[in-house]
Amino acid sequence: MERIQTVKQYEDLINRDGLTVIKYDATWCPDCKTLDKFLPDIMAKHPDKEFYALDVEQLEEISSKNEVRGIPSLLVYRNGEKLAHLHSKFAKTPAQISEYLETLESKK
């Protein structure tokens, strides 16, 4: 999964017409590493979405602006608008992530 490195890259990605899913994480986060183990399988089931990762410590201003208070969190954007936010306490299992992403199908 490609990492977002700059504010400009982030802005370009969220302003796309399609669904962009950003995983907010940090290198020291054990739950983030667990999520990384099963996220590739989930991504394969959602080819209509583009997935990226963002380190909350590298891009703190973006994390703060999006009210990311726990990691890992999954946020979904389209046309510059945040459509959904899966908070960290609900982003721990493959079932939770899959259910969250499937609810986005109806928001197209």
PDB file of N, CA and C in Angstrom:
ATOM      1  N   MET A   1       0.848  -1.168   0.000  1.00  0.00           N
ATOM      2  CA  MET A   1       0.000   0.000   0.000  1.00  0.00           C
ATOM      3  C   MET A   1       0.895   1.233   0.000  1.00  0.00           C
ATOM      4  N   GLU A   2       0.615   2.128  -0.897  1.00  0.00           N
ATOM      5  CA  GLU A   2       1.422   3.343  -1.018  1.00  0.00           C
ATOM      6  C   GLU A   2       1.186   4.263   0.177  1.00  0.00           C
ATOM      7  N   ARG A   3       2.271   4.880   0.645  1.00  0.00           N
ATOM      8  CA  ARG A   3       2.201   5.826   1.759  1.00  0.00           C
ATOM      9  C   ARG A   3       2.097   7.256   1.245  1.00  0.00           C
ATOM     10  N   ILE A   4       1.260   8.012   1.883  1.00  0.00           N
ATOM     11  CA  ILE A   4       1.136   9.437   1.584  1.00  0.00           C
ATOM     12  C   ILE A   4       2.275  10.153   2.307  1.00  0.00           C
ATOM     13  N   GLN A   5       3.036  10.940   1.541  1.00  0.00           N
ATOM     14  CA  GLN A   5       4.225  11.595   2.094  1.00  0.00           C
ATOM     15  C   GLN A   5       4.064  13.096   2.283  1.00  0.00           C
ATOM     16  N   THR A   6       3.136  13.715   1.538  1.00  0.00           N
ATOM     17  CA  THR A   6       3.016  15.176   1.574  1.00  0.00           C
ATOM     18  C   THR A   6       1.550  15.601   1.649  1.00  0.00           C
ATOM     19  N   VAL A   7       1.346  16.826   2.077  1.00  0.00           N
ATOM     20  CA  VAL A   7      -0.008  17.392   2.121  1.00  0.00           C
ATOM     21  C   VAL A   7      -0.572  17.481   0.706  1.00  0.00           C
ATOM     22  N   LYS A   8       0.245  17.854  -0.257  1.00  0.00           N
ATOM     23  CA  LYS A   8      -0.227  17.953  -1.646  1.00  0.00           C
ATOM     24  C   LYS A   8      -0.691  16.594  -2.162  1.00  0.00           C
ATOM     25  N   GLN A   9       0.082  15.548  -1.895  1.00  0.00           N
ATOM     26  CA  GLN A   9      -0.313  14.208  -2.327  1.00  0.00           C
ATOM     27  C   GLN A   9      -1.651  13.828  -1.697  1.00  0.00           C
ATOM     28  N   TYR A  10      -1.809  14.093  -0.407  1.00  0.00           N
ATOM     29  CA  TYR A  10      -3.061  13.818   0.290  1.00  0.00           C
ATOM     30  C   TYR A  10      -4.220  14.559  -0.376  1.00  0.00           C
ATOM     31  N   GLU A  11      -4.041  15.840  -0.631  1.00  0.00           N
ATOM     32  CA  GLU A  11      -5.108  16.648  -1.242  1.00  0.00           C
ATOM     33  C   GLU A  11      -5.467  16.136  -2.636  1.00  0.00           C
ATOM     34  N   ASP A  12      -4.467  15.767  -3.422  1.00  0.00           N
ATOM     35  CA  ASP A  12      -4.731  15.222  -4.757  1.00  0.00           C
ATOM     36  C   ASP A  12      -5.552  13.940  -4.672  1.00  0.00           C
ATOM     37  N   LEU A  13      -5.221  13.086  -3.715  1.00  0.00           N
ATOM     38  CA  LEU A  13      -5.901  11.797  -3.583  1.00  0.00           C
ATOM     39  C   LEU A  13      -7.343  11.948  -3.116  1.00  0.00           C
ATOM     40  N   ILE A  14      -7.581  12.805  -2.132  1.00  0.00           N
ATOM     41  CA  ILE A  14      -8.947  12.914  -1.614  1.00  0.00           C
ATOM     42  C   ILE A  14      -9.867  13.663  -2.570  1.00  0.00           C
ATOM     43  N   ASN A  15      -9.301  14.399  -3.499  1.00  0.00           N
ATOM     44  CA  ASN A  15     -10.124  15.157  -4.440  1.00  0.00           C
ATOM     45  C   ASN A  15     -10.506  14.361  -5.691  1.00  0.00           C
ATOM     46  N   ARG A  16     -10.140  13.103  -5.737  1.00  0.00           N
ATOM     47  CA  ARG A  16     -10.511  12.261  -6.875  1.00  0.00           C
ATOM     48  C   ARG A  16     -12.010  11.970  -6.853  1.00  0.00           C
ATOM     49  N   ASP A  17     -12.507  11.558  -8.021  1.00  0.00           N
ATOM     50  CA  ASP A  17     -13.924  11.229  -8.160  1.00  0.00           C
ATOM     51  C   ASP A  17     -14.260   9.875  -7.542  1.00  0.00           C
ATOM     52  N   GLY A  18     -13.299   8.960  -7.486  1.00  0.00           N
ATOM     53  CA  GLY A  18     -13.543   7.632  -6.915  1.00  0.00           C
ATOM     54  C   GLY A  18     -13.356   7.639  -5.407  1.00  0.00           C
ATOM     55  N   LEU A  19     -13.612   6.489  -4.793  1.00  0.00           N
ATOM     56  CA  LEU A  19     -13.458   6.360  -3.346  1.00  0.00           C
ATOM     57  C   LEU A  19     -11.993   6.116  -2.993  1.00  0.00           C
ATOM     58  N   THR A  20     -11.458   6.953  -2.118  1.00  0.00           N
ATOM     59  CA  THR A  20     -10.094   6.825  -1.629  1.00  0.00           C
ATOM     60  C   THR A  20     -10.158   6.485  -0.143  1.00  0.00           C
ATOM     61  N   VAL A  21      -9.574   5.354   0.222  1.00  0.00           N
ATOM     62  CA  VAL A  21      -9.541   4.908   1.615  1.00  0.00           C
ATOM     63  C   VAL A  21      -8.130   5.158   2.144  1.00  0.00           C
ATOM     64  N   ILE A  22      -8.047   5.879   3.259  1.00  0.00           N
ATOM     65  CA  ILE A  22      -6.751   6.156   3.869  1.00  0.00           C
ATOM     66  C   ILE A  22      -6.702   5.523   5.249  1.00  0.00           C
ATOM     67  N   LYS A  23      -5.677   4.694   5.437  1.00  0.00           N
ATOM     68  CA  LYS A  23      -5.436   4.074   6.744  1.00  0.00           C
ATOM     69  C   LYS A  23      -4.473   4.980   7.503  1.00  0.00           C
ATOM     70  N   TYR A  24      -4.944   5.521   8.604  1.00  0.00           N
ATOM     71  CA  TYR A  24      -4.120   6.354   9.471  1.00  0.00           C
ATOM     72  C   TYR A  24      -3.454   5.420  10.479  1.00  0.00           C
ATOM     73  N   ASP A  25      -2.118   5.482  10.554  1.00  0.00           N
ATOM     74  CA  ASP A  25      -1.380   4.566  11.412  1.00  0.00           C
ATOM     75  C   ASP A  25      -0.105   5.215  11.936  1.00  0.00           C
ATOM     76  N   ALA A  26       0.726   4.415  12.619  1.00  0.00           N
ATOM     77  CA  ALA A  26       2.042   4.845  13.092  1.00  0.00           C
ATOM     78  C   ALA A  26       2.939   3.610  13.155  1.00  0.00           C
ATOM     79  N   THR A  27       4.228   3.820  13.027  1.00  0.00           N
ATOM     80  CA  THR A  27       5.166   2.698  12.979  1.00  0.00           C
ATOM     81  C   THR A  27       5.187   1.889  14.271  1.00  0.00           C
ATOM     82  N   TRP A  28       4.908   2.488  15.401  1.00  0.00           N
ATOM     83  CA  TRP A  28       4.986   1.827  16.695  1.00  0.00           C
ATOM     84  C   TRP A  28       3.684   1.124  17.099  1.00  0.00           C
ATOM     85  N   CYS A  29       2.641   1.238  16.322  1.00  0.00           N
ATOM     86  CA  CYS A  29       1.288   0.796  16.689  1.00  0.00           C
ATOM     87  C   CYS A  29       1.079  -0.707  16.445  1.00  0.00           C
ATOM     88  N   PRO A  30       0.911  -1.514  17.514  1.00  0.00           N
ATOM     89  CA  PRO A  30       0.717  -2.954  17.313  1.00  0.00           C
ATOM     90  C   PRO A  30      -0.589  -3.293  16.592  1.00  0.00           C
ATOM     91  N   ASP A  31      -1.669  -2.562  16.866  1.00  0.00           N
ATOM     92  CA  ASP A  31      -2.938  -2.827  16.174  1.00  0.00           C
ATOM     93  C   ASP A  31      -2.829  -2.518  14.684  1.00  0.00           C
ATOM     94  N   CYS A  32      -2.006  -1.547  14.333  1.00  0.00           N
ATOM     95  CA  CYS A  32      -1.789  -1.205  12.917  1.00  0.00           C
ATOM     96  C   CYS A  32      -1.090  -2.362  12.200  1.00  0.00           C
ATOM     97  N   LYS A  33      -0.124  -2.957  12.868  1.00  0.00           N
ATOM     98  CA  LYS A  33       0.602  -4.088  12.282  1.00  0.00           C
ATOM     99  C   LYS A  33      -0.323  -5.299  12.107  1.00  0.00           C
ATOM    100  N   THR A  34      -1.222  -5.507  13.054  1.00  0.00           N
ATOM    101  CA  THR A  34      -2.202  -6.585  12.939  1.00  0.00           C
ATOM    102  C   THR A  34      -3.120  -6.332  11.752  1.00  0.00           C
ATOM    103  N   LEU A  35      -3.591  -5.116  11.610  1.00  0.00           N
ATOM    104  CA  LEU A  35      -4.448  -4.744  10.483  1.00  0.00           C
ATOM    105  C   LEU A  35      -3.736  -4.983   9.156  1.00  0.00           C
ATOM    106  N   ASP A  36      -2.452  -4.691   9.109  1.00  0.00           N
ATOM    107  CA  ASP A  36      -1.675  -4.885   7.876  1.00  0.00           C
ATOM    108  C   ASP A  36      -1.647  -6.346   7.432  1.00  0.00           C
ATOM    109  N   LYS A  37      -1.824  -7.272   8.366  1.00  0.00           N
ATOM    110  CA  LYS A  37      -1.790  -8.697   8.025  1.00  0.00           C
ATOM    111  C   LYS A  37      -2.999  -9.126   7.200  1.00  0.00           C
ATOM    112  N   PHE A  38      -4.174  -8.551   7.485  1.00  0.00           N
ATOM    113  CA  PHE A  38      -5.371  -8.979   6.756  1.00  0.00           C
ATOM    114  C   PHE A  38      -5.921  -7.943   5.779  1.00  0.00           C
ATOM    115  N   LEU A  39      -5.383  -6.747   5.789  1.00  0.00           N
ATOM    116  CA  LEU A  39      -5.880  -5.710   4.885  1.00  0.00           C
ATOM    117  C   LEU A  39      -5.685  -6.037   3.399  1.00  0.00           C
ATOM    118  N   PRO A  40      -4.584  -6.667   2.964  1.00  0.00           N
ATOM    119  CA  PRO A  40      -4.440  -6.985   1.538  1.00  0.00           C
ATOM    120  C   PRO A  40      -5.582  -7.838   0.982  1.00  0.00           C
ATOM    121  N   ASP A  41      -6.064  -8.804   1.756  1.00  0.00           N
ATOM    122  CA  ASP A  41      -7.186  -9.628   1.305  1.00  0.00           C
ATOM    123  C   ASP A  41      -8.456  -8.794   1.161  1.00  0.00           C
ATOM    124  N   ILE A  42      -8.673  -7.887   2.088  1.00  0.00           N
ATOM    125  CA  ILE A  42      -9.852  -7.025   2.028  1.00  0.00           C
ATOM    126  C   ILE A  42      -9.746  -6.069   0.840  1.00  0.00           C
ATOM    127  N   MET A  43      -8.566  -5.528   0.614  1.00  0.00           N
ATOM    128  CA  MET A  43      -8.361  -4.616  -0.518  1.00  0.00           C
ATOM    129  C   MET A  43      -8.668  -5.324  -1.834  1.00  0.00           C
ATOM    130  N   ALA A  44      -8.298  -6.580  -1.938  1.00  0.00           N
ATOM    131  CA  ALA A  44      -8.536  -7.340  -3.165  1.00  0.00           C
ATOM    132  C   ALA A  44     -10.026  -7.502  -3.441  1.00  0.00           C
ATOM    133  N   LYS A  45     -10.825  -7.494  -2.396  1.00  0.00           N
ATOM    134  CA  LYS A  45     -12.280  -7.636  -2.550  1.00  0.00           C
ATOM    135  C   LYS A  45     -12.968  -6.311  -2.859  1.00  0.00           C
ATOM    136  N   HIS A  46     -12.216  -5.221  -2.852  1.00  0.00           N
ATOM    137  CA  HIS A  46     -12.772  -3.886  -3.095  1.00  0.00           C
ATOM    138  C   HIS A  46     -11.969  -3.143  -4.164  1.00  0.00           C
ATOM    139  N   PRO A  47     -11.959  -3.677  -5.383  1.00  0.00           N
ATOM    140  CA  PRO A  47     -11.161  -3.045  -6.438  1.00  0.00           C
ATOM    141  C   PRO A  47     -11.693  -1.670  -6.863  1.00  0.00           C
ATOM    142  N   ASP A  48     -12.896  -1.329  -6.428  1.00  0.00           N
ATOM    143  CA  ASP A  48     -13.479  -0.029  -6.761  1.00  0.00           C
ATOM    144  C   ASP A  48     -12.926   1.094  -5.877  1.00  0.00           C
ATOM    145  N   LYS A  49     -12.105   0.748  -4.884  1.00  0.00           N
ATOM    146  CA  LYS A  49     -11.551   1.739  -3.967  1.00  0.00           C
ATOM    147  C   LYS A  49     -10.025   1.744  -4.071  1.00  0.00           C
ATOM    148  N   GLU A  50      -9.448   2.908  -3.872  1.00  0.00           N
ATOM    149  CA  GLU A  50      -7.987   3.019  -3.838  1.00  0.00           C
ATOM    150  C   GLU A  50      -7.565   3.188  -2.388  1.00  0.00           C
ATOM    151  N   PHE A  51      -6.569   2.423  -1.977  1.00  0.00           N
ATOM    152  CA  PHE A  51      -6.127   2.394  -0.586  1.00  0.00           C
ATOM    153  C   PHE A  51      -4.745   3.016  -0.438  1.00  0.00           C
ATOM    154  N   TYR A  52      -4.593   3.821   0.617  1.00  0.00           N
ATOM    155  CA  TYR A  52      -3.323   4.469   0.932  1.00  0.00           C
ATOM    156  C   TYR A  52      -3.132   4.455   2.441  1.00  0.00           C
ATOM    157  N   ALA A  53      -1.909   4.696   2.874  1.00  0.00           N
ATOM    158  CA  ALA A  53      -1.600   4.777   4.299  1.00  0.00           C
ATOM    159  C   ALA A  53      -0.987   6.137   4.600  1.00  0.00           C
ATOM    160  N   LEU A  54      -1.241   6.615   5.822  1.00  0.00           N
ATOM    161  CA  LEU A  54      -0.725   7.909   6.245  1.00  0.00           C
ATOM    162  C   LEU A  54      -0.254   7.771   7.689  1.00  0.00           C
ATOM    163  N   ASP A  55       0.986   8.146   7.951  1.00  0.00           N
ATOM    164  CA  ASP A  55       1.548   8.095   9.298  1.00  0.00           C
ATOM    165  C   ASP A  55       1.103   9.353  10.051  1.00  0.00           C
ATOM    166  N   VAL A  56       0.378   9.149  11.159  1.00  0.00           N
ATOM    167  CA  VAL A  56      -0.180  10.284  11.895  1.00  0.00           C
ATOM    168  C   VAL A  56       0.900  11.182  12.496  1.00  0.00           C
ATOM    169  N   GLU A  57       2.086  10.629  12.714  1.00  0.00           N
ATOM    170  CA  GLU A  57       3.164  11.438  13.294  1.00  0.00           C
ATOM    171  C   GLU A  57       3.911  12.241  12.227  1.00  0.00           C
ATOM    172  N   GLN A  58       3.882  11.781  10.989  1.00  0.00           N
ATOM    173  CA  GLN A  58       4.544  12.524   9.910  1.00  0.00           C
ATOM    174  C   GLN A  58       3.666  13.658   9.394  1.00  0.00           C
ATOM    175  N   LEU A  59       2.356  13.441   9.390  1.00  0.00           N
ATOM    176  CA  LEU A  59       1.424  14.438   8.860  1.00  0.00           C
ATOM    177  C   LEU A  59       0.351  14.752   9.905  1.00  0.00           C
ATOM    178  N   GLU A  60       0.829  15.297  11.035  1.00  0.00           N
ATOM    179  CA  GLU A  60      -0.055  15.562  12.171  1.00  0.00           C
ATOM    180  C   GLU A  60      -1.187  16.523  11.834  1.00  0.00           C
ATOM    181  N   GLU A  61      -0.916  17.512  10.987  1.00  0.00           N
ATOM    182  CA  GLU A  61      -1.954  18.505  10.673  1.00  0.00           C
ATOM    183  C   GLU A  61      -3.140  17.870   9.951  1.00  0.00           C
ATOM    184  N   ILE A  62      -2.875  16.882   9.108  1.00  0.00           N
ATOM    185  CA  ILE A  62      -3.954  16.182   8.404  1.00  0.00           C
ATOM    186  C   ILE A  62      -4.737  15.319   9.384  1.00  0.00           C
ATOM    187  N   SER A  63      -4.043  14.621  10.243  1.00  0.00           N
ATOM    188  CA  SER A  63      -4.696  13.770  11.244  1.00  0.00           C
ATOM    189  C   SER A  63      -5.592  14.601  12.159  1.00  0.00           C
ATOM    190  N   SER A  64      -5.084  15.733  12.595  1.00  0.00           N
ATOM    191  CA  SER A  64      -5.849  16.608  13.475  1.00  0.00           C
ATOM    192  C   SER A  64      -7.082  17.163  12.764  1.00  0.00           C
ATOM    193  N   LYS A  65      -6.894  17.621  11.543  1.00  0.00           N
ATOM    194  CA  LYS A  65      -7.997  18.183  10.752  1.00  0.00           C
ATOM    195  C   LYS A  65      -9.121  17.159  10.557  1.00  0.00           C
ATOM    196  N   ASN A  66      -8.753  15.889  10.455  1.00  0.00           N
ATOM    197  CA  ASN A  66      -9.733  14.825  10.217  1.00  0.00           C
ATOM    198  C   ASN A  66     -10.210  14.155  11.510  1.00  0.00           C
ATOM    199  N   GLU A  67      -9.816  14.719  12.650  1.00  0.00           N
ATOM    200  CA  GLU A  67     -10.250  14.237  13.960  1.00  0.00           C
ATOM    201  C   GLU A  67      -9.881  12.770  14.192  1.00  0.00           C
ATOM    202  N   VAL A  68      -8.678  12.392  13.766  1.00  0.00           N
ATOM    203  CA  VAL A  68      -8.171  11.041  14.007  1.00  0.00           C
ATOM    204  C   VAL A  68      -7.553  11.049  15.399  1.00  0.00           C
ATOM    205  N   ARG A  69      -8.246  10.381  16.327  1.00  0.00           N
ATOM    206  CA  ARG A  69      -7.795  10.374  17.714  1.00  0.00           C
ATOM    207  C   ARG A  69      -7.280   9.015  18.165  1.00  0.00           C
ATOM    208  N   GLY A  70      -7.464   8.015  17.319  1.00  0.00           N
ATOM    209  CA  GLY A  70      -6.977   6.681  17.631  1.00  0.00           C
ATOM    210  C   GLY A  70      -6.546   5.995  16.344  1.00  0.00           C
ATOM    211  N   ILE A  71      -5.590   5.082  16.469  1.00  0.00           N
ATOM    212  CA  ILE A  71      -5.103   4.374  15.281  1.00  0.00           C
ATOM    213  C   ILE A  71      -5.130   2.882  15.532  1.00  0.00           C
ATOM    214  N   PRO A  72      -5.303   2.101  14.498  1.00  0.00           N
ATOM    215  CA  PRO A  72      -5.547   2.520  13.122  1.00  0.00           C
ATOM    216  C   PRO A  72      -6.978   3.014  12.937  1.00  0.00           C
ATOM    217  N   SER A  73      -7.143   3.972  12.070  1.00  0.00           N
ATOM    218  CA  SER A  73      -8.453   4.454  11.654  1.00  0.00           C
ATOM    219  C   SER A  73      -8.487   4.441  10.139  1.00  0.00           C
ATOM    220  N   LEU A  74      -9.661   4.161   9.587  1.00  0.00           N
ATOM    221  CA  LEU A  74      -9.848   4.169   8.135  1.00  0.00           C
ATOM    222  C   LEU A  74     -10.833   5.267   7.783  1.00  0.00           C
ATOM    223  N   LEU A  75     -10.396   6.186   6.929  1.00  0.00           N
ATOM    224  CA  LEU A  75     -11.260   7.267   6.471  1.00  0.00           C
ATOM    225  C   LEU A  75     -11.435   7.153   4.974  1.00  0.00           C
ATOM    226  N   VAL A  76     -12.624   7.511   4.508  1.00  0.00           N
ATOM    227  CA  VAL A  76     -12.945   7.389   3.089  1.00  0.00           C
ATOM    228  C   VAL A  76     -13.335   8.766   2.559  1.00  0.00           C
ATOM    229  N   TYR A  77     -12.781   9.088   1.392  1.00  0.00           N
ATOM    230  CA  TYR A  77     -12.990  10.397   0.775  1.00  0.00           C
ATOM    231  C   TYR A  77     -13.436  10.251  -0.676  1.00  0.00           C
ATOM    232  N   ARG A  78     -14.135  11.278  -1.153  1.00  0.00           N
ATOM    233  CA  ARG A  78     -14.424  11.421  -2.575  1.00  0.00           C
ATOM    234  C   ARG A  78     -14.702  12.898  -2.839  1.00  0.00           C
ATOM    235  N   ASN A  79     -14.121  13.403  -3.916  1.00  0.00           N
ATOM    236  CA  ASN A  79     -14.311  14.800  -4.315  1.00  0.00           C
ATOM    237  C   ASN A  79     -14.038  15.780  -3.168  1.00  0.00           C
ATOM    238  N   GLY A  80     -12.992  15.488  -2.389  1.00  0.00           N
ATOM    239  CA  GLY A  80     -12.581  16.383  -1.316  1.00  0.00           C
ATOM    240  C   GLY A  80     -13.412  16.295  -0.053  1.00  0.00           C
ATOM    241  N   GLU A  81     -14.385  15.405  -0.019  1.00  0.00           N
ATOM    242  CA  GLU A  81     -15.263  15.278   1.143  1.00  0.00           C
ATOM    243  C   GLU A  81     -14.978  13.981   1.890  1.00  0.00           C
ATOM    244  N   LYS A  82     -14.913  14.069   3.211  1.00  0.00           N
ATOM    245  CA  LYS A  82     -14.786  12.864   4.035  1.00  0.00           C
ATOM    246  C   LYS A  82     -16.167  12.230   4.134  1.00  0.00           C
ATOM    247  N   LEU A  83     -16.296  11.016   3.603  1.00  0.00           N
ATOM    248  CA  LEU A  83     -17.582  10.329   3.578  1.00  0.00           C
ATOM    249  C   LEU A  83     -17.799   9.447   4.803  1.00  0.00           C
ATOM    250  N   ALA A  84     -16.724   8.890   5.343  1.00  0.00           N
ATOM    251  CA  ALA A  84     -16.865   7.940   6.439  1.00  0.00           C
ATOM    252  C   ALA A  84     -15.577   7.877   7.244  1.00  0.00           C
ATOM    253  N   HIS A  85     -15.712   7.470   8.510  1.00  0.00           N
ATOM    254  CA  HIS A  85     -14.576   7.398   9.426  1.00  0.00           C
ATOM    255  C   HIS A  85     -14.786   6.178  10.318  1.00  0.00           C
ATOM    256  N   LEU A  86     -13.954   5.166  10.133  1.00  0.00           N
ATOM    257  CA  LEU A  86     -13.988   3.987  10.990  1.00  0.00           C
ATOM    258  C   LEU A  86     -12.945   4.191  12.083  1.00  0.00           C
ATOM    259  N   HIS A  87     -13.418   4.452  13.292  1.00  0.00           N
ATOM    260  CA  HIS A  87     -12.534   4.737  14.413  1.00  0.00           C
ATOM    261  C   HIS A  87     -11.778   3.483  14.841  1.00  0.00           C
ATOM    262  N   SER A  88     -10.657   3.693  15.469  1.00  0.00           N
ATOM    263  CA  SER A  88      -9.730   2.614  15.807  1.00  0.00           C
ATOM    264  C   SER A  88     -10.374   1.465  16.576  1.00  0.00           C
ATOM    265  N   LYS A  89     -11.274   1.750  17.502  1.00  0.00           N
ATOM    266  CA  LYS A  89     -11.834   0.653  18.299  1.00  0.00           C
ATOM    267  C   LYS A  89     -12.719  -0.270  17.464  1.00  0.00           C
ATOM    268  N   PHE A  90     -13.129   0.180  16.274  1.00  0.00           N
ATOM    269  CA  PHE A  90     -13.948  -0.643  15.383  1.00  0.00           C
ATOM    270  C   PHE A  90     -13.161  -1.166  14.181  1.00  0.00           C
ATOM    271  N   ALA A  91     -11.833  -0.979  14.195  1.00  0.00           N
ATOM    272  CA  ALA A  91     -10.989  -1.376  13.062  1.00  0.00           C
ATOM    273  C   ALA A  91      -9.996  -2.457  13.471  1.00  0.00           C
ATOM    274  N   LYS A  92     -10.478  -3.459  14.193  1.00  0.00           N
ATOM    275  CA  LYS A  92      -9.571  -4.467  14.744  1.00  0.00           C
ATOM    276  C   LYS A  92      -9.685  -5.840  14.085  1.00  0.00           C
ATOM    277  N   THR A  93     -10.794  -6.109  13.398  1.00  0.00           N
ATOM    278  CA  THR A  93     -10.970  -7.447  12.823  1.00  0.00           C
ATOM    279  C   THR A  93     -11.308  -7.352  11.334  1.00  0.00           C
ATOM    280  N   PRO A  94     -11.028  -8.421  10.583  1.00  0.00           N
ATOM    281  CA  PRO A  94     -11.404  -8.419   9.163  1.00  0.00           C
ATOM    282  C   PRO A  94     -12.906  -8.202   8.967  1.00  0.00           C
ATOM    283  N   ALA A  95     -13.723  -8.767   9.849  1.00  0.00           N
ATOM    284  CA  ALA A  95     -15.179  -8.614   9.722  1.00  0.00           C
ATOM    285  C   ALA A  95     -15.592  -7.154   9.891  1.00  0.00           C
ATOM    286  N   GLN A  96     -15.015  -6.463  10.862  1.00  0.00           N
ATOM    287  CA  GLN A  96     -15.354  -5.052  11.078  1.00  0.00           C
ATOM    288  C   GLN A  96     -14.980  -4.203   9.866  1.00  0.00           C
ATOM    289  N   ILE A  97     -13.807  -4.442   9.320  1.00  0.00           N
ATOM    290  CA  ILE A  97     -13.337  -3.662   8.169  1.00  0.00           C
ATOM    291  C   ILE A  97     -14.204  -3.957   6.945  1.00  0.00           C
ATOM    292  N   SER A  98     -14.468  -5.223   6.692  1.00  0.00           N
ATOM    293  CA  SER A  98     -15.271  -5.610   5.521  1.00  0.00           C
ATOM    294  C   SER A  98     -16.669  -5.015   5.596  1.00  0.00           C
ATOM    295  N   GLU A  99     -17.290  -5.097   6.760  1.00  0.00           N
ATOM    296  CA  GLU A  99     -18.636  -4.555   6.923  1.00  0.00           C
ATOM    297  C   GLU A  99     -18.645  -3.052   6.672  1.00  0.00           C
ATOM    298  N   TYR A 100     -17.655  -2.364   7.192  1.00  0.00           N
ATOM    299  CA  TYR A 100     -17.519  -0.917   7.013  1.00  0.00           C
ATOM    300  C   TYR A 100     -17.385  -0.565   5.530  1.00  0.00           C
ATOM    301  N   LEU A 101     -16.509  -1.265   4.813  1.00  0.00           N
ATOM    302  CA  LEU A 101     -16.291  -0.965   3.399  1.00  0.00           C
ATOM    303  C   LEU A 101     -17.513  -1.312   2.552  1.00  0.00           C
ATOM    304  N   GLU A 102     -18.235  -2.354   2.919  1.00  0.00           N
ATOM    305  CA  GLU A 102     -19.432  -2.724   2.167  1.00  0.00           C
ATOM    306  C   GLU A 102     -20.539  -1.689   2.319  1.00  0.00           C
ATOM    307  N   THR A 103     -20.611  -1.012   3.447  1.00  0.00           N
ATOM    308  CA  THR A 103     -21.636   0.027   3.617  1.00  0.00           C
ATOM    309  C   THR A 103     -21.386   1.200   2.688  1.00  0.00           C
ATOM    310  N   LEU A 104     -20.160   1.328   2.222  1.00  0.00           N
ATOM    311  CA  LEU A 104     -19.829   2.437   1.326  1.00  0.00           C
ATOM    312  C   LEU A 104     -20.317   2.207  -0.099  1.00  0.00           C
ATOM    313  N   GLU A 105     -20.675   0.977  -0.407  1.00  0.00           N
ATOM    314  CA  GLU A 105     -21.154   0.672  -1.759  1.00  0.00           C
ATOM    315  C   GLU A 105     -22.381   1.511  -2.089  1.00  0.00           C
ATOM    316  N   SER A 106     -23.250   1.710  -1.095  1.00  0.00           N
ATOM    317  CA  SER A 106     -24.494   2.427  -1.330  1.00  0.00           C
ATOM    318  C   SER A 106     -24.289   3.941  -1.439  1.00  0.00           C
ATOM    319  N   LYS A 107     -23.097   4.420  -1.099  1.00  0.00           N
ATOM    320  CA  LYS A 107     -22.830   5.873  -1.139  1.00  0.00           C
ATOM    321  C   LYS A 107     -22.278   6.323  -2.481  1.00  0.00           C
ATOM    322  N   LYS A 108     -22.181   5.425  -3.440  1.00  0.00           N
ATOM    323  CA  LYS A 108     -21.613   5.777  -4.748  1.00  0.00           C
ATOM    324  C   LYS A 108     -22.479   6.776  -5.469  1.00  0.00           C
TER     325      LYS A 108
END
